[in-house]
């Protein structure tokens, strides 16, 4: 589990990934981006989102080679 001070909002995730907040929610539900649920609410870790973004950038760069 992630530290509470590492949690960010869906709006912040959207800003980091340059997508709409509704896309964040959709991707999280589908397991595309990392998130976890506590009760009814979905949470996002800044470290997990940044690592996911970097991994996907690296994968995209490899595909272009």
N, C-alpha and C. Protein backbone atom coordinates (compact mmCIF):
# COMPACT_ATOMS: atom_id res chain seq x y z
N UNK A 1 0.85 -1.18 0.00
CA UNK A 1 0.00 0.00 0.00
C UNK A 1 0.89 1.24 0.00
N UNK A 2 0.42 2.28 -0.57
CA UNK A 2 1.20 3.52 -0.72
C UNK A 2 0.93 4.48 0.43
N UNK A 3 1.90 5.32 0.69
CA UNK A 3 1.74 6.32 1.74
C UNK A 3 0.68 7.33 1.33
N UNK A 4 -0.08 7.79 2.30
CA UNK A 4 -1.19 8.71 2.01
C UNK A 4 -0.69 10.01 1.37
N UNK A 5 0.50 10.48 1.74
CA UNK A 5 0.98 11.73 1.16
C UNK A 5 1.44 11.57 -0.27
N UNK A 6 1.47 10.36 -0.78
CA UNK A 6 1.84 10.08 -2.16
C UNK A 6 0.59 10.05 -3.05
N UNK A 7 -0.60 10.04 -2.45
CA UNK A 7 -1.84 9.97 -3.21
C UNK A 7 -2.09 11.27 -3.97
N UNK A 8 -2.60 11.12 -5.19
CA UNK A 8 -2.96 12.28 -6.01
C UNK A 8 -4.37 12.06 -6.55
N UNK A 9 -4.99 13.12 -6.99
CA UNK A 9 -6.35 13.05 -7.52
C UNK A 9 -6.35 12.60 -8.97
N UNK A 10 -7.52 12.20 -9.44
CA UNK A 10 -7.68 11.84 -10.85
C UNK A 10 -7.36 13.04 -11.74
N UNK A 11 -7.69 14.23 -11.28
CA UNK A 11 -7.40 15.44 -12.06
C UNK A 11 -5.89 15.64 -12.20
N UNK A 12 -5.14 15.35 -11.15
CA UNK A 12 -3.68 15.46 -11.21
C UNK A 12 -3.11 14.41 -12.14
N UNK A 13 -3.64 13.19 -12.05
CA UNK A 13 -3.21 12.12 -12.97
C UNK A 13 -3.47 12.56 -14.40
N UNK A 14 -4.64 13.12 -14.65
CA UNK A 14 -4.99 13.59 -16.00
C UNK A 14 -4.00 14.63 -16.48
N UNK A 15 -3.60 15.53 -15.61
CA UNK A 15 -2.64 16.56 -15.97
C UNK A 15 -1.27 15.94 -16.28
N UNK A 16 -0.83 15.01 -15.46
CA UNK A 16 0.47 14.36 -15.68
C UNK A 16 0.49 13.62 -17.01
N UNK A 17 -0.62 12.92 -17.33
CA UNK A 17 -0.67 12.09 -18.54
C UNK A 17 -1.22 12.84 -19.75
N UNK A 18 -1.67 14.09 -19.54
CA UNK A 18 -2.24 14.91 -20.61
C UNK A 18 -3.45 14.22 -21.24
N UNK A 19 -4.35 13.75 -20.38
CA UNK A 19 -5.61 13.14 -20.81
C UNK A 19 -6.74 13.72 -19.96
N UNK A 20 -7.97 13.40 -20.30
CA UNK A 20 -9.13 13.88 -19.56
C UNK A 20 -9.31 13.07 -18.28
N UNK A 21 -9.85 13.69 -17.22
CA UNK A 21 -10.13 12.95 -15.99
C UNK A 21 -11.05 11.75 -16.22
N UNK A 22 -11.99 11.86 -17.14
CA UNK A 22 -12.87 10.72 -17.44
C UNK A 22 -12.08 9.55 -18.02
N UNK A 23 -11.03 9.85 -18.78
CA UNK A 23 -10.17 8.80 -19.33
C UNK A 23 -9.38 8.15 -18.20
N UNK A 24 -8.94 8.94 -17.23
CA UNK A 24 -8.24 8.39 -16.06
C UNK A 24 -9.13 7.36 -15.38
N UNK A 25 -10.38 7.73 -15.12
CA UNK A 25 -11.31 6.82 -14.44
C UNK A 25 -11.53 5.56 -15.27
N UNK A 26 -11.71 5.72 -16.56
CA UNK A 26 -11.92 4.58 -17.45
C UNK A 26 -10.71 3.65 -17.44
N UNK A 27 -9.52 4.20 -17.63
CA UNK A 27 -8.30 3.40 -17.66
C UNK A 27 -8.06 2.71 -16.32
N UNK A 28 -8.35 3.39 -15.23
CA UNK A 28 -8.16 2.80 -13.90
C UNK A 28 -9.10 1.60 -13.72
N UNK A 29 -10.36 1.77 -14.09
CA UNK A 29 -11.33 0.67 -13.99
C UNK A 29 -10.90 -0.53 -14.82
N UNK A 30 -10.31 -0.26 -15.98
CA UNK A 30 -9.89 -1.32 -16.90
C UNK A 30 -8.51 -1.89 -16.56
N UNK A 31 -7.83 -1.29 -15.59
CA UNK A 31 -6.52 -1.79 -15.18
C UNK A 31 -5.38 -1.33 -16.06
N UNK A 32 -5.61 -0.32 -16.87
CA UNK A 32 -4.57 0.18 -17.77
C UNK A 32 -3.54 1.00 -17.00
N UNK A 33 -4.01 1.84 -16.08
CA UNK A 33 -3.09 2.61 -15.24
C UNK A 33 -3.20 2.09 -13.80
N UNK A 34 -2.12 2.23 -13.03
CA UNK A 34 -2.15 1.72 -11.65
C UNK A 34 -3.04 2.57 -10.74
N UNK A 35 -3.84 1.88 -9.94
CA UNK A 35 -4.68 2.53 -8.95
C UNK A 35 -5.09 1.47 -7.94
N UNK A 36 -5.67 1.91 -6.85
CA UNK A 36 -6.19 0.96 -5.88
C UNK A 36 -7.44 1.56 -5.24
N UNK A 37 -8.29 0.68 -4.75
CA UNK A 37 -9.54 1.13 -4.14
C UNK A 37 -9.48 0.95 -2.64
N UNK A 38 -9.99 1.94 -1.95
CA UNK A 38 -10.24 1.86 -0.51
C UNK A 38 -11.71 2.20 -0.34
N UNK A 39 -12.48 1.22 0.01
CA UNK A 39 -13.93 1.44 0.09
C UNK A 39 -14.47 1.72 -1.30
N UNK A 40 -15.22 2.79 -1.42
CA UNK A 40 -15.82 3.15 -2.71
C UNK A 40 -14.90 3.98 -3.59
N UNK A 41 -13.79 4.46 -3.04
CA UNK A 41 -12.98 5.44 -3.74
C UNK A 41 -11.71 4.84 -4.34
N UNK A 42 -11.38 5.30 -5.53
CA UNK A 42 -10.17 4.88 -6.21
C UNK A 42 -9.07 5.89 -5.91
N UNK A 43 -7.87 5.37 -5.65
CA UNK A 43 -6.73 6.21 -5.30
C UNK A 43 -5.60 5.97 -6.29
N UNK A 44 -4.77 6.99 -6.45
CA UNK A 44 -3.65 6.95 -7.39
C UNK A 44 -2.39 7.38 -6.65
N UNK A 45 -1.31 6.69 -6.87
CA UNK A 45 -0.02 7.03 -6.28
C UNK A 45 0.80 7.79 -7.30
N UNK A 46 1.35 8.93 -6.90
CA UNK A 46 2.17 9.73 -7.80
C UNK A 46 3.34 8.89 -8.33
N UNK A 47 4.01 8.16 -7.44
CA UNK A 47 5.17 7.34 -7.84
C UNK A 47 4.75 6.27 -8.85
N UNK A 48 3.61 5.62 -8.61
CA UNK A 48 3.13 4.58 -9.53
C UNK A 48 2.78 5.16 -10.90
N UNK A 49 2.13 6.32 -10.91
CA UNK A 49 1.73 6.95 -12.18
C UNK A 49 2.98 7.39 -12.96
N UNK A 50 3.94 7.99 -12.27
CA UNK A 50 5.16 8.43 -12.96
C UNK A 50 5.95 7.24 -13.49
N UNK A 51 6.01 6.15 -12.73
CA UNK A 51 6.71 4.94 -13.20
C UNK A 51 5.98 4.34 -14.39
N UNK A 52 4.64 4.32 -14.34
CA UNK A 52 3.86 3.79 -15.45
C UNK A 52 4.09 4.62 -16.72
N UNK A 53 4.08 5.95 -16.54
CA UNK A 53 4.31 6.85 -17.69
C UNK A 53 5.68 6.60 -18.30
N UNK A 54 6.71 6.47 -17.48
CA UNK A 54 8.06 6.24 -17.99
C UNK A 54 8.16 4.89 -18.70
N UNK A 55 7.57 3.87 -18.12
CA UNK A 55 7.61 2.54 -18.73
C UNK A 55 6.93 2.55 -20.10
N UNK A 56 5.83 3.28 -20.19
CA UNK A 56 5.12 3.34 -21.47
C UNK A 56 5.86 4.19 -22.49
N UNK A 57 6.55 5.22 -22.04
CA UNK A 57 7.39 5.99 -22.96
C UNK A 57 8.53 5.12 -23.49
N UNK A 58 9.15 4.35 -22.58
CA UNK A 58 10.24 3.47 -22.99
C UNK A 58 9.75 2.43 -23.99
N UNK A 59 8.59 1.87 -23.77
CA UNK A 59 8.02 0.86 -24.67
C UNK A 59 7.72 1.49 -26.04
N UNK A 60 7.22 2.71 -26.04
CA UNK A 60 6.92 3.39 -27.29
C UNK A 60 8.21 3.67 -28.07
N UNK A 61 9.24 4.06 -27.36
CA UNK A 61 10.53 4.34 -28.02
C UNK A 61 11.10 3.08 -28.64
N UNK A 62 10.97 1.95 -27.96
CA UNK A 62 11.49 0.68 -28.50
C UNK A 62 10.72 0.28 -29.76
N UNK A 63 9.43 0.55 -29.79
CA UNK A 63 8.62 0.19 -30.95
C UNK A 63 8.99 1.01 -32.18
N UNK A 64 9.48 2.22 -31.97
CA UNK A 64 9.85 3.09 -33.09
C UNK A 64 11.17 2.70 -33.69
N UNK A 65 12.00 1.95 -32.98
CA UNK A 65 13.33 1.58 -33.49
C UNK A 65 13.25 0.52 -34.55
